[in-house]
C-alpha atoms as a PDB file:
ATOM      1  CA  UNK A   1      83.145  80.140  -8.370  1.00  0.00           C
ATOM      2  CA  UNK A   2      80.896  81.023 -11.292  1.00  0.00           C
ATOM      3  CA  UNK A   3      82.372  84.492 -11.708  1.00  0.00           C
ATOM      4  CA  UNK A   4      84.798  86.981 -10.152  1.00  0.00           C
ATOM      5  CA  UNK A   5      86.731  85.762  -7.077  1.00  0.00           C
ATOM      6  CA  UNK A   6      86.379  85.339  -3.341  1.00  0.00           C
ATOM      7  CA  UNK A   7      88.676  84.975  -0.342  1.00  0.00           C
ATOM      8  CA  UNK A   8      88.035  82.206   2.166  1.00  0.00           C
ATOM      9  CA  UNK A   9      89.496  81.485   5.617  1.00  0.00           C
ATOM     10  CA  UNK A  10      88.973  78.065   7.034  1.00  0.00           C
ATOM     11  CA  UNK A  11      90.519  77.494  10.390  1.00  0.00           C
ATOM     12  CA  UNK A  12      93.972  79.112  10.043  1.00  0.00           C
ATOM     13  CA  UNK A  13      94.250  78.546   6.301  1.00  0.00           C
ATOM     14  CA  UNK A  14      93.475  81.166   3.653  1.00  0.00           C
ATOM     15  CA  UNK A  15      92.397  80.601   0.046  1.00  0.00           C
ATOM     16  CA  UNK A  16      91.602  82.697  -3.028  1.00  0.00           C
ATOM     17  CA  UNK A  17      89.090  81.110  -5.369  1.00  0.00           C
ATOM     18  CA  UNK A  18      88.677  82.369  -8.941  1.00  0.00           C
ATOM     19  CA  UNK A  19      86.216  81.514 -11.676  1.00  0.00           C
ATOM     20  CA  UNK A  20      86.131  77.744 -12.188  1.00  0.00           C
ATOM     21  CA  UNK A  21      87.607  76.963  -8.799  1.00  0.00           C
ATOM     22  CA  UNK A  22      85.948  74.942  -6.031  1.00  0.00           C
ATOM     23  CA  UNK A  23      86.697  74.097  -2.411  1.00  0.00           C
ATOM     24  CA  UNK A  24      85.618  71.393   0.051  1.00  0.00           C
ATOM     25  CA  UNK A  25      86.009  71.796   3.812  1.00  0.00           C
ATOM     26  CA  UNK A  26      84.735  70.623   7.223  1.00  0.00           C
ATOM     27  CA  UNK A  27      82.103  73.234   8.044  1.00  0.00           C
ATOM     28  CA  UNK A  28      82.392  72.513  11.755  1.00  0.00           C
ATOM     29  CA  UNK A  29      85.708  74.454  11.549  1.00  0.00           C
ATOM     30  CA  UNK A  30      85.497  78.261  11.902  1.00  0.00           C
ATOM     31  CA  UNK A  31      85.158  79.660   8.399  1.00  0.00           C
ATOM     32  CA  UNK A  32      84.443  82.973   6.654  1.00  0.00           C
ATOM     33  CA  UNK A  33      84.462  84.337   3.141  1.00  0.00           C
ATOM     34  CA  UNK A  34      84.441  87.731   1.434  1.00  0.00           C
ATOM     35  CA  UNK A  35      84.492  89.369  -1.958  1.00  0.00           C
ATOM     36  CA  UNK A  36      87.699  91.393  -2.171  1.00  0.00           C
ATOM     37  CA  UNK A  37      86.708  93.175  -5.418  1.00  0.00           C
ATOM     38  CA  UNK A  38      84.167  95.573  -6.772  1.00  0.00           C
ATOM     39  CA  UNK A  39      82.539  92.993  -9.145  1.00  0.00           C
ATOM     40  CA  UNK A  40      79.803  90.810  -7.898  1.00  0.00           C
ATOM     41  CA  UNK A  41      81.050  87.372  -6.936  1.00  0.00           C
ATOM     42  CA  UNK A  42      78.753  84.462  -7.790  1.00  0.00           C
ATOM     43  CA  UNK A  43      79.247  81.086  -6.151  1.00  0.00           C
ATOM     44  CA  UNK A  44      77.244  77.876  -5.841  1.00  0.00           C
ATOM     45  CA  UNK A  45      77.092  76.662  -2.266  1.00  0.00           C
ATOM     46  CA  UNK A  46      75.927  73.267  -1.031  1.00  0.00           C
ATOM     47  CA  UNK A  47      76.057  71.475   2.273  1.00  0.00           C
ATOM     48  CA  UNK A  48      75.327  68.015   3.633  1.00  0.00           C
ATOM     49  CA  UNK A  49      74.176  66.913   7.077  1.00  0.00           C
ATOM     50  CA  UNK A  50      77.026  66.206   9.499  1.00  0.00           C
ATOM     51  CA  UNK A  51      75.187  63.486  11.383  1.00  0.00           C
ATOM     52  CA  UNK A  52      72.808  60.610  10.792  1.00  0.00           C
ATOM     53  CA  UNK A  53      69.602  61.425   8.999  1.00  0.00           C
ATOM     54  CA  UNK A  54      66.394  60.208  10.531  1.00  0.00           C
ATOM     55  CA  UNK A  55      64.550  58.531   7.645  1.00  0.00           C
ATOM     56  CA  UNK A  56      61.471  57.500   9.576  1.00  0.00           C
END
């Protein structure tokens, strides 16, 4: 998180991330996130392919 905080649910687990926190998870699992506050939450999000990459 770059600023504020967010709540995440990944599978059956729940997490609260605050400024400076990070999280890694298997994106094939059901997941959701939300901003519980009034301040704008800013996060940097990346993803990688889950399967082989065709480099032809």
